[in-house]
Amino acid sequence: MPKVIYRQHDGSEETVDVRAGTSLMLGALTNGVEGIEAECGGSCMCATCHVYVDEAWLDKLPKVQVLEDEMLDDTAAERKPNSRLSCQIEMSDALDGIVVEMPETQI
């Protein structure tokens, strides 16, 4: 099963297995990873699952779609070039080992 490395704002990390086809958001929630609120439950209707994707992985992700781009404008923490909503990143074998960092705050 592919692994995701969730890095907290303080630098601590947690590596968890996330089944292919599952969003990074849901992977964090089901594994008890702190730092993702997911108030809308993964509907791309809020920005409380905001993460910073390690730059080495950005080219392996699908492009940001219009709705996600709009939601990223409303993040509680600074939007950066590597900002994504974890509900919009579907885990796959190609993403095995992806590193995402949680921002300091989601709300």
PDB file of N, CA and C in Angstrom:
ATOM      1  N   MET A   1       0.856  -1.172   0.000  1.00  0.00           N
ATOM      2  CA  MET A   1       0.000   0.000   0.000  1.00  0.00           C
ATOM      3  C   MET A   1       0.910   1.246   0.000  1.00  0.00           C
ATOM      4  N   PRO A   2       0.558   2.252  -0.792  1.00  0.00           N
ATOM      5  CA  PRO A   2       1.381   3.459  -0.836  1.00  0.00           C
ATOM      6  C   PRO A   2       1.402   4.189   0.513  1.00  0.00           C
ATOM      7  N   LYS A   3       2.502   4.864   0.753  1.00  0.00           N
ATOM      8  CA  LYS A   3       2.678   5.590   2.003  1.00  0.00           C
ATOM      9  C   LYS A   3       2.661   7.099   1.769  1.00  0.00           C
ATOM     10  N   VAL A   4       2.162   7.807   2.772  1.00  0.00           N
ATOM     11  CA  VAL A   4       2.176   9.269   2.782  1.00  0.00           C
ATOM     12  C   VAL A   4       2.918   9.704   4.036  1.00  0.00           C
ATOM     13  N   ILE A   5       3.800  10.672   3.883  1.00  0.00           N
ATOM     14  CA  ILE A   5       4.479  11.259   5.029  1.00  0.00           C
ATOM     15  C   ILE A   5       3.815  12.601   5.301  1.00  0.00           C
ATOM     16  N   TYR A   6       3.127  12.673   6.433  1.00  0.00           N
ATOM     17  CA  TYR A   6       2.475  13.900   6.871  1.00  0.00           C
ATOM     18  C   TYR A   6       3.417  14.591   7.846  1.00  0.00           C
ATOM     19  N   ARG A   7       3.827  15.785   7.507  1.00  0.00           N
ATOM     20  CA  ARG A   7       4.743  16.550   8.353  1.00  0.00           C
ATOM     21  C   ARG A   7       3.968  17.671   9.033  1.00  0.00           C
ATOM     22  N   GLN A   8       4.077  17.712  10.337  1.00  0.00           N
ATOM     23  CA  GLN A   8       3.440  18.778  11.093  1.00  0.00           C
ATOM     24  C   GLN A   8       4.232  20.066  10.955  1.00  0.00           C
ATOM     25  N   HIS A   9       3.619  21.163  11.291  1.00  0.00           N
ATOM     26  CA  HIS A   9       4.262  22.466  11.192  1.00  0.00           C
ATOM     27  C   HIS A   9       5.545  22.527  12.040  1.00  0.00           C
ATOM     28  N   ASP A  10       5.588  21.756  13.125  1.00  0.00           N
ATOM     29  CA  ASP A  10       6.764  21.756  14.003  1.00  0.00           C
ATOM     30  C   ASP A  10       7.883  20.840  13.504  1.00  0.00           C
ATOM     31  N   GLY A  11       7.652  20.166  12.359  1.00  0.00           N
ATOM     32  CA  GLY A  11       8.672  19.292  11.778  1.00  0.00           C
ATOM     33  C   GLY A  11       8.514  17.823  12.098  1.00  0.00           C
ATOM     34  N   SER A  12       7.674  17.475  13.070  1.00  0.00           N
ATOM     35  CA  SER A  12       7.457  16.061  13.377  1.00  0.00           C
ATOM     36  C   SER A  12       6.718  15.408  12.207  1.00  0.00           C
ATOM     37  N   GLU A  13       6.969  14.122  12.005  1.00  0.00           N
ATOM     38  CA  GLU A  13       6.386  13.412  10.863  1.00  0.00           C
ATOM     39  C   GLU A  13       5.672  12.153  11.301  1.00  0.00           C
ATOM     40  N   GLU A  14       4.683  11.791  10.504  1.00  0.00           N
ATOM     41  CA  GLU A  14       3.958  10.537  10.688  1.00  0.00           C
ATOM     42  C   GLU A  14       3.777   9.914   9.311  1.00  0.00           C
ATOM     43  N   THR A  15       4.226   8.681   9.166  1.00  0.00           N
ATOM     44  CA  THR A  15       4.093   7.968   7.899  1.00  0.00           C
ATOM     45  C   THR A  15       2.952   6.977   8.022  1.00  0.00           C
ATOM     46  N   VAL A  16       2.007   7.053   7.087  1.00  0.00           N
ATOM     47  CA  VAL A  16       0.856   6.160   7.140  1.00  0.00           C
ATOM     48  C   VAL A  16       0.590   5.550   5.764  1.00  0.00           C
ATOM     49  N   ASP A  17      -0.001   4.377   5.771  1.00  0.00           N
ATOM     50  CA  ASP A  17      -0.449   3.727   4.545  1.00  0.00           C
ATOM     51  C   ASP A  17      -1.778   4.340   4.147  1.00  0.00           C
ATOM     52  N   VAL A  18      -1.897   4.705   2.883  1.00  0.00           N
ATOM     53  CA  VAL A  18      -3.149   5.249   2.356  1.00  0.00           C
ATOM     54  C   VAL A  18      -3.471   4.481   1.073  1.00  0.00           C
ATOM     55  N   ARG A  19      -4.585   3.820   1.082  1.00  0.00           N
ATOM     56  CA  ARG A  19      -5.004   2.996  -0.047  1.00  0.00           C
ATOM     57  C   ARG A  19      -5.118   3.831  -1.320  1.00  0.00           C
ATOM     58  N   ALA A  20      -4.630   3.293  -2.424  1.00  0.00           N
ATOM     59  CA  ALA A  20      -4.760   3.952  -3.726  1.00  0.00           C
ATOM     60  C   ALA A  20      -6.232   4.248  -3.981  1.00  0.00           C
ATOM     61  N   GLY A  21      -6.510   5.439  -4.494  1.00  0.00           N
ATOM     62  CA  GLY A  21      -7.876   5.866  -4.749  1.00  0.00           C
ATOM     63  C   GLY A  21      -8.478   6.671  -3.607  1.00  0.00           C
ATOM     64  N   THR A  22      -7.792   6.729  -2.485  1.00  0.00           N
ATOM     65  CA  THR A  22      -8.244   7.478  -1.319  1.00  0.00           C
ATOM     66  C   THR A  22      -7.572   8.846  -1.322  1.00  0.00           C
ATOM     67  N   SER A  23      -8.300   9.880  -0.951  1.00  0.00           N
ATOM     68  CA  SER A  23      -7.695  11.216  -0.907  1.00  0.00           C
ATOM     69  C   SER A  23      -6.708  11.310   0.254  1.00  0.00           C
ATOM     70  N   LEU A  24      -5.742  12.198   0.111  1.00  0.00           N
ATOM     71  CA  LEU A  24      -4.798  12.430   1.204  1.00  0.00           C
ATOM     72  C   LEU A  24      -5.520  12.932   2.444  1.00  0.00           C
ATOM     73  N   MET A  25      -6.594  13.691   2.250  1.00  0.00           N
ATOM     74  CA  MET A  25      -7.394  14.181   3.369  1.00  0.00           C
ATOM     75  C   MET A  25      -7.996  13.014   4.153  1.00  0.00           C
ATOM     76  N   LEU A  26      -8.652  12.116   3.443  1.00  0.00           N
ATOM     77  CA  LEU A  26      -9.284  10.976   4.100  1.00  0.00           C
ATOM     78  C   LEU A  26      -8.230  10.068   4.736  1.00  0.00           C
ATOM     79  N   GLY A  27      -7.095   9.924   4.080  1.00  0.00           N
ATOM     80  CA  GLY A  27      -6.006   9.141   4.655  1.00  0.00           C
ATOM     81  C   GLY A  27      -5.562   9.699   5.992  1.00  0.00           C
ATOM     82  N   ALA A  28      -5.477  11.027   6.086  1.00  0.00           N
ATOM     83  CA  ALA A  28      -5.093  11.659   7.348  1.00  0.00           C
ATOM     84  C   ALA A  28      -6.168  11.449   8.406  1.00  0.00           C
ATOM     85  N   LEU A  29      -7.424  11.668   8.033  1.00  0.00           N
ATOM     86  CA  LEU A  29      -8.508  11.537   9.003  1.00  0.00           C
ATOM     87  C   LEU A  29      -8.638  10.114   9.540  1.00  0.00           C
ATOM     88  N   THR A  30      -8.584   9.132   8.667  1.00  0.00           N
ATOM     89  CA  THR A  30      -8.778   7.748   9.108  1.00  0.00           C
ATOM     90  C   THR A  30      -7.595   7.218   9.909  1.00  0.00           C
ATOM     91  N   ASN A  31      -6.442   7.869   9.784  1.00  0.00           N
ATOM     92  CA  ASN A  31      -5.260   7.439  10.521  1.00  0.00           C
ATOM     93  C   ASN A  31      -4.956   8.335  11.711  1.00  0.00           C
ATOM     94  N   GLY A  32      -5.865   9.258  12.030  1.00  0.00           N
ATOM     95  CA  GLY A  32      -5.697  10.097  13.203  1.00  0.00           C
ATOM     96  C   GLY A  32      -4.582  11.124  13.114  1.00  0.00           C
ATOM     97  N   VAL A  33      -4.229  11.504  11.895  1.00  0.00           N
ATOM     98  CA  VAL A  33      -3.193  12.515  11.709  1.00  0.00           C
ATOM     99  C   VAL A  33      -3.786  13.880  12.043  1.00  0.00           C
ATOM    100  N   GLU A  34      -3.129  14.607  12.899  1.00  0.00           N
ATOM    101  CA  GLU A  34      -3.606  15.931  13.300  1.00  0.00           C
ATOM    102  C   GLU A  34      -3.244  16.967  12.244  1.00  0.00           C
ATOM    103  N   GLY A  35      -4.014  18.048  12.211  1.00  0.00           N
ATOM    104  CA  GLY A  35      -3.669  19.165  11.348  1.00  0.00           C
ATOM    105  C   GLY A  35      -4.556  19.347  10.142  1.00  0.00           C
ATOM    106  N   ILE A  36      -5.473  18.415   9.918  1.00  0.00           N
ATOM    107  CA  ILE A  36      -6.438  18.545   8.825  1.00  0.00           C
ATOM    108  C   ILE A  36      -7.824  18.527   9.440  1.00  0.00           C
ATOM    109  N   GLU A  37      -8.549  19.618   9.249  1.00  0.00           N
ATOM    110  CA  GLU A  37      -9.889  19.753   9.831  1.00  0.00           C
ATOM    111  C   GLU A  37     -10.953  19.113   8.940  1.00  0.00           C
ATOM    112  N   ALA A  38     -10.892  19.375   7.634  1.00  0.00           N
ATOM    113  CA  ALA A  38     -11.823  18.789   6.661  1.00  0.00           C
ATOM    114  C   ALA A  38     -13.286  19.069   7.007  1.00  0.00           C
ATOM    115  N   GLU A  39     -13.594  20.325   7.253  1.00  0.00           N
ATOM    116  CA  GLU A  39     -14.954  20.702   7.657  1.00  0.00           C
ATOM    117  C   GLU A  39     -16.019  20.318   6.634  1.00  0.00           C
ATOM    118  N   CYS A  40     -15.690  20.342   5.343  1.00  0.00           N
ATOM    119  CA  CYS A  40     -16.698  20.020   4.330  1.00  0.00           C
ATOM    120  C   CYS A  40     -16.689  18.540   3.956  1.00  0.00           C
ATOM    121  N   GLY A  41     -15.819  17.762   4.576  1.00  0.00           N
ATOM    122  CA  GLY A  41     -15.792  16.331   4.326  1.00  0.00           C
ATOM    123  C   GLY A  41     -15.196  15.921   2.995  1.00  0.00           C
ATOM    124  N   GLY A  42     -14.472  16.811   2.355  1.00  0.00           N
ATOM    125  CA  GLY A  42     -13.805  16.464   1.105  1.00  0.00           C
ATOM    126  C   GLY A  42     -14.543  16.898  -0.137  1.00  0.00           C
ATOM    127  N   SER A  43     -15.432  17.854  -0.001  1.00  0.00           N
ATOM    128  CA  SER A  43     -16.236  18.321  -1.136  1.00  0.00           C
ATOM    129  C   SER A  43     -15.624  19.501  -1.879  1.00  0.00           C
ATOM    130  N   CYS A  44     -14.430  19.902  -1.503  1.00  0.00           N
ATOM    131  CA  CYS A  44     -13.764  21.059  -2.109  1.00  0.00           C
ATOM    132  C   CYS A  44     -14.608  22.317  -1.926  1.00  0.00           C
ATOM    133  N   MET A  45     -15.192  22.436  -0.741  1.00  0.00           N
ATOM    134  CA  MET A  45     -16.055  23.579  -0.440  1.00  0.00           C
ATOM    135  C   MET A  45     -15.520  24.413   0.724  1.00  0.00           C
ATOM    136  N   CYS A  46     -14.337  24.082   1.193  1.00  0.00           N
ATOM    137  CA  CYS A  46     -13.702  24.868   2.246  1.00  0.00           C
ATOM    138  C   CYS A  46     -12.201  24.762   2.002  1.00  0.00           C
ATOM    139  N   ALA A  47     -11.425  25.262   2.889  1.00  0.00           N
ATOM    140  CA  ALA A  47      -9.970  25.181   2.707  1.00  0.00           C
ATOM    141  C   ALA A  47      -9.308  24.624   3.957  1.00  0.00           C
ATOM    142  N   THR A  48     -10.039  23.793   4.699  1.00  0.00           N
ATOM    143  CA  THR A  48      -9.525  23.300   5.976  1.00  0.00           C
ATOM    144  C   THR A  48      -8.779  21.974   5.862  1.00  0.00           C
ATOM    145  N   CYS A  49      -8.416  21.612   4.649  1.00  0.00           N
ATOM    146  CA  CYS A  49      -7.546  20.451   4.446  1.00  0.00           C
ATOM    147  C   CYS A  49      -6.306  20.874   3.650  1.00  0.00           C
ATOM    148  N   HIS A  50      -5.993  22.149   3.754  1.00  0.00           N
ATOM    149  CA  HIS A  50      -4.858  22.766   3.074  1.00  0.00           C
ATOM    150  C   HIS A  50      -3.552  22.094   3.507  1.00  0.00           C
ATOM    151  N   VAL A  51      -2.706  21.774   2.536  1.00  0.00           N
ATOM    152  CA  VAL A  51      -1.373  21.237   2.814  1.00  0.00           C
ATOM    153  C   VAL A  51      -0.372  21.886   1.871  1.00  0.00           C
ATOM    154  N   TYR A  52       0.889  21.791   2.253  1.00  0.00           N
ATOM    155  CA  TYR A  52       1.986  22.191   1.385  1.00  0.00           C
ATOM    156  C   TYR A  52       2.640  20.906   0.884  1.00  0.00           C
ATOM    157  N   VAL A  53       2.600  20.702  -0.420  1.00  0.00           N
ATOM    158  CA  VAL A  53       3.175  19.493  -1.019  1.00  0.00           C
ATOM    159  C   VAL A  53       4.666  19.725  -1.228  1.00  0.00           C
ATOM    160  N   ASP A  54       5.470  18.758  -0.790  1.00  0.00           N
ATOM    161  CA  ASP A  54       6.904  18.843  -1.014  1.00  0.00           C
ATOM    162  C   ASP A  54       7.150  19.048  -2.506  1.00  0.00           C
ATOM    163  N   GLU A  55       7.999  20.003  -2.829  1.00  0.00           N
ATOM    164  CA  GLU A  55       8.189  20.418  -4.221  1.00  0.00           C
ATOM    165  C   GLU A  55       8.636  19.285  -5.135  1.00  0.00           C
ATOM    166  N   ALA A  56       9.284  18.271  -4.602  1.00  0.00           N
ATOM    167  CA  ALA A  56       9.725  17.138  -5.420  1.00  0.00           C
ATOM    168  C   ALA A  56       8.549  16.353  -5.993  1.00  0.00           C
ATOM    169  N   TRP A  57       7.357  16.535  -5.431  1.00  0.00           N
ATOM    170  CA  TRP A  57       6.176  15.775  -5.834  1.00  0.00           C
ATOM    171  C   TRP A  57       5.196  16.561  -6.689  1.00  0.00           C
ATOM    172  N   LEU A  58       5.387  17.844  -6.815  1.00  0.00           N
ATOM    173  CA  LEU A  58       4.401  18.684  -7.507  1.00  0.00           C
ATOM    174  C   LEU A  58       4.139  18.254  -8.950  1.00  0.00           C
ATOM    175  N   ASP A  59       5.163  17.873  -9.677  1.00  0.00           N
ATOM    176  CA  ASP A  59       4.984  17.487 -11.077  1.00  0.00           C
ATOM    177  C   ASP A  59       4.226  16.175 -11.245  1.00  0.00           C
ATOM    178  N   LYS A  60       4.080  15.416 -10.180  1.00  0.00           N
ATOM    179  CA  LYS A  60       3.371  14.135 -10.251  1.00  0.00           C
ATOM    180  C   LYS A  60       1.878  14.275  -9.960  1.00  0.00           C
ATOM    181  N   LEU A  61       1.467  15.483  -9.579  1.00  0.00           N
ATOM    182  CA  LEU A  61       0.063  15.715  -9.238  1.00  0.00           C
ATOM    183  C   LEU A  61      -0.700  16.281 -10.421  1.00  0.00           C
ATOM    184  N   PRO A  62      -2.000  16.024 -10.478  1.00  0.00           N
ATOM    185  CA  PRO A  62      -2.815  16.686 -11.504  1.00  0.00           C
ATOM    186  C   PRO A  62      -2.834  18.186 -11.245  1.00  0.00           C
ATOM    187  N   LYS A  63      -3.091  18.941 -12.285  1.00  0.00           N
ATOM    188  CA  LYS A  63      -3.140  20.392 -12.154  1.00  0.00           C
ATOM    189  C   LYS A  63      -4.272  20.809 -11.218  1.00  0.00           C
ATOM    190  N   VAL A  64      -4.076  21.946 -10.589  1.00  0.00           N
ATOM    191  CA  VAL A  64      -5.112  22.514  -9.734  1.00  0.00           C
ATOM    192  C   VAL A  64      -6.291  22.925 -10.613  1.00  0.00           C
ATOM    193  N   GLN A  65      -7.475  22.464 -10.263  1.00  0.00           N
ATOM    194  CA  GLN A  65      -8.680  22.824 -10.994  1.00  0.00           C
ATOM    195  C   GLN A  65      -9.230  24.153 -10.470  1.00  0.00           C
ATOM    196  N   VAL A  66     -10.141  24.750 -11.206  1.00  0.00           N
ATOM    197  CA  VAL A  66     -10.658  26.079 -10.897  1.00  0.00           C
ATOM    198  C   VAL A  66     -11.237  26.162  -9.480  1.00  0.00           C
ATOM    199  N   LEU A  67     -12.069  25.215  -9.086  1.00  0.00           N
ATOM    200  CA  LEU A  67     -12.700  25.271  -7.770  1.00  0.00           C
ATOM    201  C   LEU A  67     -11.659  25.179  -6.656  1.00  0.00           C
ATOM    202  N   GLU A  68     -10.718  24.273  -6.809  1.00  0.00           N
ATOM    203  CA  GLU A  68      -9.649  24.162  -5.802  1.00  0.00           C
ATOM    204  C   GLU A  68      -8.854  25.463  -5.730  1.00  0.00           C
ATOM    205  N   ASP A  69      -8.552  26.040  -6.872  1.00  0.00           N
ATOM    206  CA  ASP A  69      -7.805  27.293  -6.915  1.00  0.00           C
ATOM    207  C   ASP A  69      -8.551  28.389  -6.151  1.00  0.00           C
ATOM    208  N   GLU A  70      -9.859  28.456  -6.345  1.00  0.00           N
ATOM    209  CA  GLU A  70     -10.672  29.450  -5.633  1.00  0.00           C
ATOM    210  C   GLU A  70     -10.655  29.195  -4.124  1.00  0.00           C
ATOM    211  N   MET A  71     -10.760  27.942  -3.722  1.00  0.00           N
ATOM    212  CA  MET A  71     -10.759  27.614  -2.303  1.00  0.00           C
ATOM    213  C   MET A  71      -9.401  27.923  -1.671  1.00  0.00           C
ATOM    214  N   LEU A  72      -8.324  27.724  -2.414  1.00  0.00           N
ATOM    215  CA  LEU A  72      -6.992  28.014  -1.883  1.00  0.00           C
ATOM    216  C   LEU A  72      -6.798  29.498  -1.595  1.00  0.00           C
ATOM    217  N   ASP A  73      -7.601  30.339  -2.223  1.00  0.00           N
ATOM    218  CA  ASP A  73      -7.548  31.770  -1.914  1.00  0.00           C
ATOM    219  C   ASP A  73      -8.088  32.073  -0.525  1.00  0.00           C
ATOM    220  N   ASP A  74      -8.797  31.116   0.079  1.00  0.00           N
ATOM    221  CA  ASP A  74      -9.419  31.317   1.385  1.00  0.00           C
ATOM    222  C   ASP A  74      -8.745  30.544   2.515  1.00  0.00           C
ATOM    223  N   THR A  75      -7.522  30.114   2.312  1.00  0.00           N
ATOM    224  CA  THR A  75      -6.848  29.361   3.371  1.00  0.00           C
ATOM    225  C   THR A  75      -6.539  30.255   4.564  1.00  0.00           C
ATOM    226  N   ALA A  76      -6.561  29.661   5.751  1.00  0.00           N
ATOM    227  CA  ALA A  76      -6.248  30.410   6.967  1.00  0.00           C
ATOM    228  C   ALA A  76      -4.757  30.716   7.053  1.00  0.00           C
ATOM    229  N   ALA A  77      -3.940  29.800   6.569  1.00  0.00           N
ATOM    230  CA  ALA A  77      -2.488  29.998   6.548  1.00  0.00           C
ATOM    231  C   ALA A  77      -2.079  30.494   5.162  1.00  0.00           C
ATOM    232  N   GLU A  78      -0.895  31.004   5.073  1.00  0.00           N
ATOM    233  CA  GLU A  78      -0.393  31.559   3.820  1.00  0.00           C
ATOM    234  C   GLU A  78      -0.510  30.566   2.657  1.00  0.00           C
ATOM    235  N   ARG A  79      -1.034  31.055   1.548  1.00  0.00           N
ATOM    236  CA  ARG A  79      -1.037  30.254   0.326  1.00  0.00           C
ATOM    237  C   ARG A  79       0.332  30.390  -0.315  1.00  0.00           C
ATOM    238  N   LYS A  80       0.908  29.241  -0.683  1.00  0.00           N
ATOM    239  CA  LYS A  80       2.222  29.198  -1.314  1.00  0.00           C
ATOM    240  C   LYS A  80       2.087  28.506  -2.661  1.00  0.00           C
ATOM    241  N   PRO A  81       3.121  28.569  -3.501  1.00  0.00           N
ATOM    242  CA  PRO A  81       3.051  27.899  -4.805  1.00  0.00           C
ATOM    243  C   PRO A  81       2.800  26.388  -4.710  1.00  0.00           C
ATOM    244  N   ASN A  82       3.166  25.779  -3.580  1.00  0.00           N
ATOM    245  CA  ASN A  82       2.961  24.339  -3.406  1.00  0.00           C
ATOM    246  C   ASN A  82       1.741  24.015  -2.545  1.00  0.00           C
ATOM    247  N   SER A  83       0.855  24.995  -2.360  1.00  0.00           N
ATOM    248  CA  SER A  83      -0.386  24.774  -1.607  1.00  0.00           C
ATOM    249  C   SER A  83      -1.363  23.938  -2.425  1.00  0.00           C
ATOM    250  N   ARG A  84      -1.966  22.968  -1.759  1.00  0.00           N
ATOM    251  CA  ARG A  84      -3.031  22.163  -2.368  1.00  0.00           C
ATOM    252  C   ARG A  84      -4.047  21.826  -1.295  1.00  0.00           C
ATOM    253  N   LEU A  85      -5.228  21.436  -1.739  1.00  0.00           N
ATOM    254  CA  LEU A  85      -6.226  20.892  -0.828  1.00  0.00           C
ATOM    255  C   LEU A  85      -6.059  19.381  -0.849  1.00  0.00           C
ATOM    256  N   SER A  86      -5.855  18.792   0.311  1.00  0.00           N
ATOM    257  CA  SER A  86      -5.580  17.354   0.364  1.00  0.00           C
ATOM    258  C   SER A  86      -6.780  16.515  -0.057  1.00  0.00           C
ATOM    259  N   CYS A  87      -7.980  17.099  -0.058  1.00  0.00           N
ATOM    260  CA  CYS A  87      -9.155  16.362  -0.532  1.00  0.00           C
ATOM    261  C   CYS A  87      -9.124  16.175  -2.042  1.00  0.00           C
ATOM    262  N   GLN A  88      -8.302  16.938  -2.727  1.00  0.00           N
ATOM    263  CA  GLN A  88      -8.249  16.883  -4.182  1.00  0.00           C
ATOM    264  C   GLN A  88      -7.068  16.089  -4.712  1.00  0.00           C
ATOM    265  N   ILE A  89      -6.305  15.486  -3.818  1.00  0.00           N
ATOM    266  CA  ILE A  89      -5.164  14.659  -4.224  1.00  0.00           C
ATOM    267  C   ILE A  89      -5.508  13.210  -3.933  1.00  0.00           C
ATOM    268  N   GLU A  90      -5.678  12.445  -4.990  1.00  0.00           N
ATOM    269  CA  GLU A  90      -6.009  11.031  -4.852  1.00  0.00           C
ATOM    270  C   GLU A  90      -4.724  10.219  -4.826  1.00  0.00           C
ATOM    271  N   MET A  91      -4.580   9.405  -3.798  1.00  0.00           N
ATOM    272  CA  MET A  91      -3.383   8.592  -3.633  1.00  0.00           C
ATOM    273  C   MET A  91      -3.307   7.540  -4.726  1.00  0.00           C
ATOM    274  N   SER A  92      -2.081   7.269  -5.180  1.00  0.00           N
ATOM    275  CA  SER A  92      -1.824   6.232  -6.175  1.00  0.00           C
ATOM    276  C   SER A  92      -0.444   5.650  -5.901  1.00  0.00           C
ATOM    277  N   ASP A  93      -0.136   4.551  -6.568  1.00  0.00           N
ATOM    278  CA  ASP A  93       1.186   3.954  -6.410  1.00  0.00           C
ATOM    279  C   ASP A  93       2.281   4.922  -6.850  1.00  0.00           C
ATOM    280  N   ALA A  94       1.988   5.766  -7.832  1.00  0.00           N
ATOM    281  CA  ALA A  94       2.967   6.743  -8.320  1.00  0.00           C
ATOM    282  C   ALA A  94       3.298   7.789  -7.255  1.00  0.00           C
ATOM    283  N   LEU A  95       2.427   7.949  -6.263  1.00  0.00           N
ATOM    284  CA  LEU A  95       2.650   8.931  -5.201  1.00  0.00           C
ATOM    285  C   LEU A  95       3.191   8.303  -3.919  1.00  0.00           C
ATOM    286  N   ASP A  96       3.590   7.036  -3.991  1.00  0.00           N
ATOM    287  CA  ASP A  96       4.125   6.343  -2.821  1.00  0.00           C
ATOM    288  C   ASP A  96       5.313   7.119  -2.251  1.00  0.00           C
ATOM    289  N   GLY A  97       5.177   7.556  -1.003  1.00  0.00           N
ATOM    290  CA  GLY A  97       6.238   8.308  -0.342  1.00  0.00           C
ATOM    291  C   GLY A  97       6.063   9.809  -0.379  1.00  0.00           C
ATOM    292  N   ILE A  98       4.945  10.290  -0.940  1.00  0.00           N
ATOM    293  CA  ILE A  98       4.701  11.732  -1.024  1.00  0.00           C
ATOM    294  C   ILE A  98       4.784  12.362   0.370  1.00  0.00           C
ATOM    295  N   VAL A  99       5.319  13.560   0.405  1.00  0.00           N
ATOM    296  CA  VAL A  99       5.469  14.309   1.659  1.00  0.00           C
ATOM    297  C   VAL A  99       4.598  15.557   1.569  1.00  0.00           C
ATOM    298  N   VAL A 100       3.728  15.731   2.568  1.00  0.00           N
ATOM    299  CA  VAL A 100       2.919  16.939   2.669  1.00  0.00           C
ATOM    300  C   VAL A 100       3.076  17.508   4.063  1.00  0.00           C
ATOM    301  N   GLU A 101       3.121  18.834   4.111  1.00  0.00           N
ATOM    302  CA  GLU A 101       3.259  19.518   5.399  1.00  0.00           C
ATOM    303  C   GLU A 101       1.975  20.256   5.714  1.00  0.00           C
ATOM    304  N   MET A 102       1.550  20.125   6.967  1.00  0.00           N
ATOM    305  CA  MET A 102       0.376  20.836   7.417  1.00  0.00           C
ATOM    306  C   MET A 102       0.768  22.265   7.753  1.00  0.00           C
ATOM    307  N   PRO A 103      -0.080  23.239   7.391  1.00  0.00           N
ATOM    308  CA  PRO A 103       0.203  24.604   7.797  1.00  0.00           C
ATOM    309  C   PRO A 103       0.001  24.787   9.297  1.00  0.00           C
ATOM    310  N   GLU A 104       0.392  25.937   9.795  1.00  0.00           N
ATOM    311  CA  GLU A 104       0.283  26.206  11.222  1.00  0.00           C
ATOM    312  C   GLU A 104      -1.156  26.165  11.708  1.00  0.00           C
ATOM    313  N   THR A 105      -2.095  26.588  10.856  1.00  0.00           N
ATOM    314  CA  THR A 105      -3.511  26.583  11.233  1.00  0.00           C
ATOM    315  C   THR A 105      -4.374  26.291  10.012  1.00  0.00           C
ATOM    316  N   GLN A 106      -5.555  25.741  10.257  1.00  0.00           N
ATOM    317  CA  GLN A 106      -6.534  25.507   9.195  1.00  0.00           C
ATOM    318  C   GLN A 106      -7.723  26.447   9.323  1.00  0.00           C
ATOM    319  N   ILE A 107      -7.948  26.954  10.522  1.00  0.00           N
ATOM    320  CA  ILE A 107      -9.108  27.819  10.743  1.00  0.00           C
ATOM    321  C   ILE A 107      -8.723  29.084  11.490  1.00  0.00           C
TER     322      ILE A 107
END
